[in-house]
Amino acid sequence: MAHSTIPGQIENPTLNDYLEVLTRAVFQAGLSWASIAQRWDGFRTAFEEFDVHKVAAYGEADVDRLLHASGILHSARKIRATIHNAQTLLDLEGSHGGLENYLRSFPNYPALSADIRRRFKFMGEMNVWYFLFRVRQPVPKFEKWVTTIPGDHPRMKEMVERARVAGTSSER
């Protein structure tokens, strides 16, 4: 069961992949990973396969539609955060000539993390590390980093262990 709730890393992510990972982080916050994993196909359908251009153009009618969509969690704040995050991805893509260029434009993880938390909605330190790890960007070693985050995080640890076994961990 646990492996079905733990998402893997994405090789060569597209802008839509970035939006999907950000959205999963946003909706997973405060909930069990299993509850989101069970609904994830519904999220993909409701958010049009995370087409960043479509989601960035959503208006209030789309927020209302999503608040009534079956198979997803109904949080107006998280839905609006997803729309904002899609718009931010497009802005960064345009201003940096690609999102990868934006992600690599910082001298270190703390600087990048601070900028992501400032620009994107619902992105605390846990979500930033999760996002960057899933899209194979350099992140601090899990065991050291996790001591800075209150609580126990068994699903994060399991995600890291799976990536290590697969040889895809982006930890430094």
N, C-alpha and C. Protein backbone atom coordinates (compact mmCIF):
# COMPACT_ATOMS: atom_id res chain seq x y z
N MET A 1 0.83 -1.20 0.00
CA MET A 1 0.00 0.00 0.00
C MET A 1 0.87 1.26 0.00
N ALA A 2 1.91 1.29 0.81
CA ALA A 2 2.71 2.50 0.95
C ALA A 2 3.30 2.96 -0.38
N HIS A 3 3.77 2.02 -1.19
CA HIS A 3 4.40 2.43 -2.45
C HIS A 3 3.40 3.14 -3.36
N SER A 4 2.13 2.77 -3.30
CA SER A 4 1.16 3.44 -4.15
C SER A 4 0.89 4.87 -3.68
N THR A 5 1.21 5.16 -2.43
CA THR A 5 0.96 6.52 -1.92
C THR A 5 2.18 7.41 -2.09
N ILE A 6 3.32 6.84 -2.43
CA ILE A 6 4.57 7.60 -2.52
C ILE A 6 4.87 7.90 -3.98
N PRO A 7 4.80 9.18 -4.36
CA PRO A 7 5.12 9.51 -5.75
C PRO A 7 6.62 9.43 -6.01
N GLY A 8 6.97 9.14 -7.24
CA GLY A 8 8.38 9.05 -7.60
C GLY A 8 8.92 10.35 -8.15
N GLN A 9 10.20 10.31 -8.47
CA GLN A 9 10.86 11.47 -9.05
C GLN A 9 10.57 11.50 -10.56
N ILE A 10 10.68 12.68 -11.13
CA ILE A 10 10.36 12.88 -12.54
C ILE A 10 11.64 13.26 -13.28
N GLU A 11 11.95 12.50 -14.29
CA GLU A 11 13.12 12.80 -15.11
C GLU A 11 12.69 13.76 -16.22
N ASN A 12 13.46 14.81 -16.43
CA ASN A 12 13.17 15.80 -17.46
C ASN A 12 11.74 16.35 -17.37
N PRO A 13 11.40 16.95 -16.24
CA PRO A 13 10.02 17.43 -16.07
C PRO A 13 9.66 18.55 -17.04
N THR A 14 8.40 18.54 -17.46
CA THR A 14 7.84 19.61 -18.28
C THR A 14 7.23 20.65 -17.34
N LEU A 15 6.82 21.77 -17.90
CA LEU A 15 6.16 22.79 -17.10
C LEU A 15 4.88 22.23 -16.46
N ASN A 16 4.16 21.38 -17.19
CA ASN A 16 2.97 20.74 -16.63
C ASN A 16 3.33 19.82 -15.46
N ASP A 17 4.46 19.11 -15.57
CA ASP A 17 4.91 18.26 -14.46
C ASP A 17 5.20 19.11 -13.22
N TYR A 18 5.86 20.25 -13.43
CA TYR A 18 6.15 21.13 -12.29
C TYR A 18 4.86 21.55 -11.61
N LEU A 19 3.85 21.91 -12.41
CA LEU A 19 2.58 22.32 -11.82
C LEU A 19 1.93 21.15 -11.07
N GLU A 20 1.99 19.97 -11.63
CA GLU A 20 1.39 18.82 -10.96
C GLU A 20 2.07 18.55 -9.62
N VAL A 21 3.39 18.61 -9.58
CA VAL A 21 4.11 18.36 -8.33
C VAL A 21 3.80 19.46 -7.31
N LEU A 22 3.79 20.72 -7.75
CA LEU A 22 3.43 21.81 -6.85
C LEU A 22 2.03 21.62 -6.29
N THR A 23 1.10 21.25 -7.15
CA THR A 23 -0.29 21.08 -6.73
C THR A 23 -0.43 19.93 -5.75
N ARG A 24 0.29 18.86 -6.00
CA ARG A 24 0.23 17.74 -5.06
C ARG A 24 0.77 18.18 -3.70
N ALA A 25 1.84 18.93 -3.69
CA ALA A 25 2.38 19.43 -2.43
C ALA A 25 1.36 20.31 -1.72
N VAL A 26 0.71 21.19 -2.46
CA VAL A 26 -0.29 22.09 -1.89
C VAL A 26 -1.44 21.31 -1.26
N PHE A 27 -1.99 20.37 -2.00
CA PHE A 27 -3.16 19.64 -1.50
C PHE A 27 -2.79 18.59 -0.46
N GLN A 28 -1.56 18.08 -0.49
CA GLN A 28 -1.11 17.09 0.49
C GLN A 28 -0.87 17.72 1.86
N ALA A 29 -0.58 19.00 1.89
CA ALA A 29 -0.24 19.68 3.15
C ALA A 29 -1.36 19.48 4.18
N GLY A 30 -0.99 18.91 5.31
CA GLY A 30 -1.93 18.71 6.39
C GLY A 30 -2.81 17.47 6.26
N LEU A 31 -2.62 16.69 5.21
CA LEU A 31 -3.44 15.50 4.99
C LEU A 31 -2.54 14.28 4.82
N SER A 32 -3.13 13.12 4.86
CA SER A 32 -2.33 11.92 4.65
C SER A 32 -2.03 11.77 3.16
N TRP A 33 -0.84 11.28 2.87
CA TRP A 33 -0.45 11.08 1.48
C TRP A 33 -1.41 10.11 0.81
N ALA A 34 -1.88 9.11 1.55
CA ALA A 34 -2.80 8.11 0.98
C ALA A 34 -4.10 8.76 0.53
N SER A 35 -4.61 9.72 1.29
CA SER A 35 -5.88 10.34 0.91
C SER A 35 -5.75 11.11 -0.40
N ILE A 36 -4.61 11.71 -0.63
CA ILE A 36 -4.38 12.43 -1.89
C ILE A 36 -4.10 11.43 -3.02
N ALA A 37 -3.31 10.41 -2.74
CA ALA A 37 -3.00 9.41 -3.77
C ALA A 37 -4.28 8.76 -4.30
N GLN A 38 -5.22 8.48 -3.41
CA GLN A 38 -6.48 7.84 -3.83
C GLN A 38 -7.30 8.75 -4.74
N ARG A 39 -7.13 10.04 -4.63
CA ARG A 39 -7.91 11.00 -5.41
C ARG A 39 -7.14 11.60 -6.58
N TRP A 40 -5.88 11.21 -6.76
CA TRP A 40 -5.05 11.95 -7.69
C TRP A 40 -5.56 11.91 -9.13
N ASP A 41 -6.12 10.82 -9.57
CA ASP A 41 -6.68 10.78 -10.93
C ASP A 41 -7.79 11.82 -11.07
N GLY A 42 -8.57 12.02 -10.03
CA GLY A 42 -9.61 13.05 -10.04
C GLY A 42 -9.02 14.45 -10.15
N PHE A 43 -7.91 14.68 -9.48
CA PHE A 43 -7.22 15.97 -9.59
C PHE A 43 -6.73 16.20 -11.02
N ARG A 44 -6.14 15.16 -11.62
CA ARG A 44 -5.64 15.29 -13.00
C ARG A 44 -6.78 15.66 -13.95
N THR A 45 -7.91 15.01 -13.77
CA THR A 45 -9.07 15.31 -14.62
C THR A 45 -9.58 16.71 -14.37
N ALA A 46 -9.78 17.06 -13.10
CA ALA A 46 -10.35 18.35 -12.74
C ALA A 46 -9.48 19.51 -13.19
N PHE A 47 -8.15 19.33 -13.12
CA PHE A 47 -7.22 20.39 -13.50
C PHE A 47 -6.67 20.19 -14.92
N GLU A 48 -7.42 19.48 -15.75
CA GLU A 48 -7.09 19.32 -17.17
C GLU A 48 -5.66 18.83 -17.39
N GLU A 49 -5.30 17.76 -16.69
CA GLU A 49 -3.96 17.15 -16.78
C GLU A 49 -2.86 18.15 -16.42
N PHE A 50 -3.20 19.14 -15.61
CA PHE A 50 -2.25 20.16 -15.15
C PHE A 50 -1.62 20.93 -16.31
N ASP A 51 -2.42 21.17 -17.33
CA ASP A 51 -1.96 22.00 -18.44
C ASP A 51 -1.76 23.41 -17.88
N VAL A 52 -0.51 23.82 -17.75
CA VAL A 52 -0.17 25.05 -17.06
C VAL A 52 -0.81 26.28 -17.72
N HIS A 53 -0.92 26.27 -19.04
CA HIS A 53 -1.53 27.40 -19.74
C HIS A 53 -3.03 27.49 -19.44
N LYS A 54 -3.69 26.36 -19.43
CA LYS A 54 -5.13 26.35 -19.13
C LYS A 54 -5.38 26.75 -17.68
N VAL A 55 -4.64 26.15 -16.75
CA VAL A 55 -4.86 26.44 -15.33
C VAL A 55 -4.54 27.89 -15.01
N ALA A 56 -3.50 28.44 -15.61
CA ALA A 56 -3.14 29.84 -15.37
C ALA A 56 -4.24 30.79 -15.82
N ALA A 57 -5.04 30.37 -16.77
CA ALA A 57 -6.12 31.22 -17.29
C ALA A 57 -7.44 31.03 -16.54
N TYR A 58 -7.49 30.16 -15.55
CA TYR A 58 -8.73 29.92 -14.81
C TYR A 58 -9.19 31.21 -14.14
N GLY A 59 -10.51 31.35 -14.10
CA GLY A 59 -11.15 32.46 -13.41
C GLY A 59 -12.08 31.94 -12.32
N GLU A 60 -12.93 32.81 -11.83
CA GLU A 60 -13.83 32.43 -10.73
C GLU A 60 -14.80 31.32 -11.12
N ALA A 61 -15.24 31.27 -12.38
CA ALA A 61 -16.13 30.19 -12.81
C ALA A 61 -15.42 28.84 -12.68
N ASP A 62 -14.12 28.83 -12.97
CA ASP A 62 -13.35 27.59 -12.84
C ASP A 62 -13.17 27.21 -11.37
N VAL A 63 -12.94 28.21 -10.52
CA VAL A 63 -12.85 27.94 -9.08
C VAL A 63 -14.15 27.30 -8.61
N ASP A 64 -15.28 27.86 -9.02
CA ASP A 64 -16.58 27.31 -8.63
C ASP A 64 -16.75 25.89 -9.17
N ARG A 65 -16.36 25.67 -10.42
CA ARG A 65 -16.45 24.33 -11.02
C ARG A 65 -15.62 23.34 -10.20
N LEU A 66 -14.41 23.72 -9.82
CA LEU A 66 -13.53 22.83 -9.06
C LEU A 66 -14.05 22.59 -7.65
N LEU A 67 -14.71 23.60 -7.08
CA LEU A 67 -15.29 23.42 -5.75
C LEU A 67 -16.42 22.41 -5.75
N HIS A 68 -16.94 22.10 -6.93
CA HIS A 68 -18.02 21.13 -7.05
C HIS A 68 -17.60 19.87 -7.82
N ALA A 69 -16.36 19.80 -8.21
CA ALA A 69 -15.88 18.64 -8.97
C ALA A 69 -15.82 17.42 -8.06
N SER A 70 -16.20 16.29 -8.61
CA SER A 70 -16.14 15.07 -7.81
C SER A 70 -14.71 14.53 -7.80
N GLY A 71 -14.37 13.87 -6.72
CA GLY A 71 -13.09 13.18 -6.64
C GLY A 71 -11.91 14.02 -6.19
N ILE A 72 -12.12 15.29 -5.86
CA ILE A 72 -11.01 16.11 -5.35
C ILE A 72 -11.42 16.76 -4.04
N LEU A 73 -10.44 17.29 -3.34
CA LEU A 73 -10.72 18.04 -2.12
C LEU A 73 -11.18 19.43 -2.50
N HIS A 74 -12.14 19.94 -1.79
CA HIS A 74 -12.74 21.23 -2.13
C HIS A 74 -12.25 22.31 -1.19
N SER A 75 -11.15 22.93 -1.55
CA SER A 75 -10.58 24.02 -0.79
C SER A 75 -10.36 25.20 -1.74
N ALA A 76 -11.16 26.25 -1.57
CA ALA A 76 -11.03 27.41 -2.44
C ALA A 76 -9.63 28.00 -2.35
N ARG A 77 -9.05 28.04 -1.15
CA ARG A 77 -7.71 28.60 -0.98
C ARG A 77 -6.66 27.79 -1.75
N LYS A 78 -6.76 26.47 -1.70
CA LYS A 78 -5.78 25.63 -2.40
C LYS A 78 -6.02 25.64 -3.91
N ILE A 79 -7.25 25.75 -4.33
CA ILE A 79 -7.55 25.86 -5.76
C ILE A 79 -6.98 27.17 -6.30
N ARG A 80 -7.23 28.26 -5.59
CA ARG A 80 -6.69 29.56 -6.01
C ARG A 80 -5.16 29.56 -5.97
N ALA A 81 -4.59 28.86 -5.00
CA ALA A 81 -3.12 28.74 -4.93
C ALA A 81 -2.59 28.03 -6.16
N THR A 82 -3.29 27.00 -6.62
CA THR A 82 -2.86 26.26 -7.81
C THR A 82 -2.90 27.16 -9.04
N ILE A 83 -3.93 27.97 -9.16
CA ILE A 83 -4.02 28.91 -10.29
C ILE A 83 -2.87 29.92 -10.21
N HIS A 84 -2.67 30.49 -9.04
CA HIS A 84 -1.55 31.43 -8.85
C HIS A 84 -0.22 30.76 -9.19
N ASN A 85 -0.02 29.54 -8.73
CA ASN A 85 1.24 28.83 -8.97
C ASN A 85 1.45 28.57 -10.46
N ALA A 86 0.37 28.28 -11.20
CA ALA A 86 0.48 28.09 -12.65
C ALA A 86 0.91 29.41 -13.31
N GLN A 87 0.32 30.51 -12.88
CA GLN A 87 0.69 31.82 -13.42
C GLN A 87 2.15 32.15 -13.11
N THR A 88 2.58 31.82 -11.90
CA THR A 88 3.97 32.07 -11.49
C THR A 88 4.93 31.22 -12.32
N LEU A 89 4.59 29.96 -12.56
CA LEU A 89 5.43 29.11 -13.41
C LEU A 89 5.61 29.73 -14.80
N LEU A 90 4.52 30.20 -15.37
CA LEU A 90 4.61 30.81 -16.70
C LEU A 90 5.45 32.08 -16.66
N ASP A 91 5.28 32.89 -15.62
CA ASP A 91 6.08 34.11 -15.49
C ASP A 91 7.58 33.77 -15.40
N LEU A 92 7.91 32.79 -14.58
CA LEU A 92 9.32 32.41 -14.40
C LEU A 92 9.88 31.77 -15.67
N GLU A 93 9.07 30.97 -16.33
CA GLU A 93 9.48 30.36 -17.60
C GLU A 93 9.86 31.45 -18.59
N GLY A 94 9.03 32.49 -18.68
CA GLY A 94 9.29 33.57 -19.62
C GLY A 94 10.46 34.45 -19.23
N SER A 95 10.54 34.78 -17.95
CA SER A 95 11.58 35.72 -17.51
C SER A 95 12.97 35.08 -17.41
N HIS A 96 13.03 33.75 -17.31
CA HIS A 96 14.32 33.08 -17.16
C HIS A 96 14.68 32.18 -18.36
N GLY A 97 13.83 32.18 -19.38
CA GLY A 97 14.11 31.34 -20.54
C GLY A 97 14.00 29.86 -20.22
N GLY A 98 13.16 29.52 -19.26
CA GLY A 98 12.93 28.14 -18.85
C GLY A 98 12.95 28.02 -17.34
N LEU A 99 12.11 27.16 -16.80
CA LEU A 99 12.04 27.02 -15.35
C LEU A 99 13.32 26.43 -14.78
N GLU A 100 13.94 25.54 -15.50
CA GLU A 100 15.22 24.97 -15.05
C GLU A 100 16.25 26.07 -14.83
N ASN A 101 16.27 27.06 -15.71
CA ASN A 101 17.20 28.19 -15.54
C ASN A 101 16.89 28.96 -14.26
N TYR A 102 15.62 29.16 -13.97
CA TYR A 102 15.24 29.81 -12.72
C TYR A 102 15.74 28.99 -11.52
N LEU A 103 15.46 27.69 -11.53
CA LEU A 103 15.82 26.84 -10.40
C LEU A 103 17.33 26.80 -10.18
N ARG A 104 18.10 26.95 -11.23
CA ARG A 104 19.56 26.89 -11.14
C ARG A 104 20.21 28.26 -10.97
N SER A 105 19.39 29.31 -10.82
CA SER A 105 19.94 30.68 -10.77
C SER A 105 20.29 31.13 -9.35
N PHE A 106 20.21 30.24 -8.38
CA PHE A 106 20.48 30.61 -6.99
C PHE A 106 21.78 29.97 -6.53
N PRO A 107 22.48 30.63 -5.61
CA PRO A 107 23.78 30.11 -5.19
C PRO A 107 23.69 28.86 -4.32
N ASN A 108 22.52 28.65 -3.68
CA ASN A 108 22.39 27.51 -2.77
C ASN A 108 20.93 27.21 -2.50
N TYR A 109 20.71 26.08 -1.86
CA TYR A 109 19.34 25.65 -1.54
C TYR A 109 18.60 26.67 -0.67
N PRO A 110 19.18 27.20 0.41
CA PRO A 110 18.42 28.16 1.22
C PRO A 110 17.92 29.37 0.43
N ALA A 111 18.72 29.88 -0.47
CA ALA A 111 18.30 31.04 -1.28
C ALA A 111 17.16 30.66 -2.22
N LEU A 112 17.27 29.50 -2.86
CA LEU A 112 16.21 29.04 -3.75
C LEU A 112 14.93 28.78 -2.96
N SER A 113 15.06 28.10 -1.83
CA SER A 113 13.90 27.80 -1.00
C SER A 113 13.17 29.07 -0.58
N ALA A 114 13.92 30.07 -0.16
CA ALA A 114 13.31 31.34 0.27
C ALA A 114 12.56 31.99 -0.88
N ASP A 115 13.13 31.95 -2.09
CA ASP A 115 12.47 32.57 -3.23
C ASP A 115 11.21 31.81 -3.62
N ILE A 116 11.25 30.49 -3.61
CA ILE A 116 10.07 29.69 -3.93
C ILE A 116 8.96 29.97 -2.91
N ARG A 117 9.32 30.03 -1.63
CA ARG A 117 8.31 30.30 -0.60
C ARG A 117 7.71 31.69 -0.77
N ARG A 118 8.49 32.63 -1.28
CA ARG A 118 7.99 33.99 -1.49
C ARG A 118 7.07 34.07 -2.71
N ARG A 119 7.43 33.38 -3.77
CA ARG A 119 6.70 33.51 -5.04
C ARG A 119 5.44 32.63 -5.13
N PHE A 120 5.52 31.44 -4.58
CA PHE A 120 4.43 30.47 -4.74
C PHE A 120 3.57 30.41 -3.49
N LYS A 121 2.31 30.03 -3.67
CA LYS A 121 1.37 29.92 -2.56
C LYS A 121 1.43 28.51 -1.95
N PHE A 122 1.23 28.44 -0.64
CA PHE A 122 1.18 27.18 0.12
C PHE A 122 2.49 26.40 0.03
N MET A 123 3.59 27.10 -0.10
CA MET A 123 4.87 26.42 -0.21
C MET A 123 5.72 26.75 1.01
N GLY A 124 5.56 25.95 2.05
CA GLY A 124 6.44 26.04 3.20
C GLY A 124 7.71 25.24 2.92
N GLU A 125 8.59 25.20 3.88
CA GLU A 125 9.88 24.52 3.69
C GLU A 125 9.71 23.05 3.32
N MET A 126 8.77 22.36 3.95
CA MET A 126 8.53 20.94 3.63
C MET A 126 8.13 20.79 2.17
N ASN A 127 7.22 21.63 1.70
CA ASN A 127 6.75 21.53 0.32
C ASN A 127 7.84 21.90 -0.68
N VAL A 128 8.69 22.85 -0.33
CA VAL A 128 9.78 23.23 -1.24
C VAL A 128 10.72 22.04 -1.43
N TRP A 129 11.14 21.41 -0.32
CA TRP A 129 12.06 20.29 -0.42
C TRP A 129 11.42 19.16 -1.23
N TYR A 130 10.16 18.86 -0.93
CA TYR A 130 9.41 17.82 -1.65
C TYR A 130 9.38 18.13 -3.16
N PHE A 131 9.02 19.36 -3.50
CA PHE A 131 8.93 19.78 -4.90
C PHE A 131 10.28 19.60 -5.60
N LEU A 132 11.33 20.16 -5.02
CA LEU A 132 12.64 20.10 -5.66
C LEU A 132 13.15 18.66 -5.77
N PHE A 133 12.91 17.86 -4.75
CA PHE A 133 13.34 16.46 -4.78
C PHE A 133 12.62 15.72 -5.90
N ARG A 134 11.31 15.91 -6.01
CA ARG A 134 10.53 15.19 -7.03
C ARG A 134 10.94 15.55 -8.44
N VAL A 135 11.37 16.80 -8.66
CA VAL A 135 11.77 17.22 -10.01
C VAL A 135 13.29 17.13 -10.20
N ARG A 136 13.93 16.41 -9.30
CA ARG A 136 15.36 16.08 -9.39
C ARG A 136 16.28 17.30 -9.37
N GLN A 137 15.94 18.27 -8.56
CA GLN A 137 16.83 19.41 -8.33
C GLN A 137 17.64 19.14 -7.07
N PRO A 138 18.80 19.72 -6.94
CA PRO A 138 19.63 19.49 -5.75
C PRO A 138 18.92 19.93 -4.47
N VAL A 139 18.95 19.05 -3.49
CA VAL A 139 18.37 19.32 -2.17
C VAL A 139 19.36 18.84 -1.10
N PRO A 140 19.24 19.38 0.11
CA PRO A 140 20.11 18.90 1.19
C PRO A 140 19.80 17.45 1.53
N LYS A 141 20.78 16.77 2.12
CA LYS A 141 20.57 15.39 2.59
C LYS A 141 19.36 15.35 3.52
N PHE A 142 18.49 14.39 3.27
CA PHE A 142 17.23 14.29 4.00
C PHE A 142 17.44 14.24 5.51
N GLU A 143 18.34 13.39 5.98
CA GLU A 143 18.51 13.18 7.42
C GLU A 143 18.91 14.46 8.16
N LYS A 144 19.70 15.29 7.52
CA LYS A 144 20.08 16.55 8.13
C LYS A 144 18.96 17.58 8.01
N TRP A 145 18.40 17.69 6.81
CA TRP A 145 17.35 18.67 6.56
C TRP A 145 16.12 18.44 7.43
N VAL A 146 15.70 17.18 7.56
CA VAL A 146 14.44 16.88 8.26
C VAL A 146 14.50 17.29 9.73
N THR A 147 15.69 17.42 10.30
CA THR A 147 15.80 17.85 11.70
C THR A 147 15.38 19.32 11.86
N THR A 148 15.27 20.06 10.75
CA THR A 148 14.85 21.46 10.82
C THR A 148 13.34 21.60 10.71
N ILE A 149 12.64 20.50 10.47
CA ILE A 149 11.19 20.51 10.27
C ILE A 149 10.53 19.77 11.43
N PRO A 150 9.63 20.43 12.16
CA PRO A 150 8.97 19.75 13.28
C PRO A 150 8.16 18.54 12.81
N GLY A 151 8.10 17.54 13.65
CA GLY A 151 7.26 16.37 13.38
C GLY A 151 8.02 15.21 12.77
N ASP A 152 7.28 14.13 12.59
CA ASP A 152 7.80 12.90 12.00
C ASP A 152 7.30 12.83 10.57
N HIS A 153 8.13 12.45 9.65
CA HIS A 153 7.76 12.49 8.23
C HIS A 153 8.08 11.16 7.54
N PRO A 154 7.34 10.10 7.92
CA PRO A 154 7.68 8.78 7.38
C PRO A 154 7.49 8.65 5.87
N ARG A 155 6.51 9.32 5.27
CA ARG A 155 6.30 9.21 3.82
C ARG A 155 7.44 9.90 3.07
N MET A 156 7.91 11.03 3.58
CA MET A 156 9.05 11.70 2.95
C MET A 156 10.26 10.79 3.00
N LYS A 157 10.50 10.18 4.16
CA LYS A 157 11.64 9.28 4.31
C LYS A 157 11.53 8.10 3.34
N GLU A 158 10.33 7.57 3.20
CA GLU A 158 10.12 6.46 2.28
C GLU A 158 10.38 6.90 0.82
N MET A 159 9.95 8.09 0.47
CA MET A 159 10.17 8.62 -0.88
C MET A 159 11.68 8.72 -1.16
N VAL A 160 12.43 9.23 -0.17
CA VAL A 160 13.87 9.38 -0.32
C VAL A 160 14.54 8.01 -0.44
N GLU A 161 14.15 7.08 0.39
CA GLU A 161 14.75 5.73 0.34
C GLU A 161 14.50 5.07 -1.01
N ARG A 162 13.29 5.21 -1.54
CA ARG A 162 13.00 4.63 -2.86
C ARG A 162 13.91 5.25 -3.93
N ALA A 163 14.11 6.56 -3.87
CA ALA A 163 14.97 7.23 -4.86
C ALA A 163 16.42 6.79 -4.70
N ARG A 164 16.86 6.61 -3.47
CA ARG A 164 18.24 6.16 -3.24
C ARG A 164 18.45 4.77 -3.82
N VAL A 165 17.50 3.87 -3.58
CA VAL A 165 17.60 2.51 -4.10
C VAL A 165 17.62 2.54 -5.63
N ALA A 166 16.80 3.42 -6.22
CA ALA A 166 16.74 3.53 -7.67
C ALA A 166 17.94 4.29 -8.25
N GLY A 167 18.73 4.92 -7.37
CA GLY A 167 19.89 5.67 -7.83
C GLY A 167 19.54 7.02 -8.42
N THR A 168 18.38 7.59 -8.03
CA THR A 168 17.94 8.86 -8.61
C THR A 168 17.89 10.00 -7.61
N SER A 169 18.35 9.79 -6.41
CA SER A 169 18.27 10.84 -5.39
C SER A 169 19.08 12.06 -5.81
N SER A 170 18.49 13.24 -5.59
CA SER A 170 19.15 14.50 -5.95
C SER A 170 19.74 15.20 -4.73
N GLU A 171 19.94 14.44 -3.66
CA GLU A 171 20.47 15.01 -2.44
C GLU A 171 21.95 15.34 -2.59
N ARG A 172 22.37 16.35 -1.84
CA ARG A 172 23.79 16.73 -1.83
C ARG A 172 24.33 16.51 -0.44
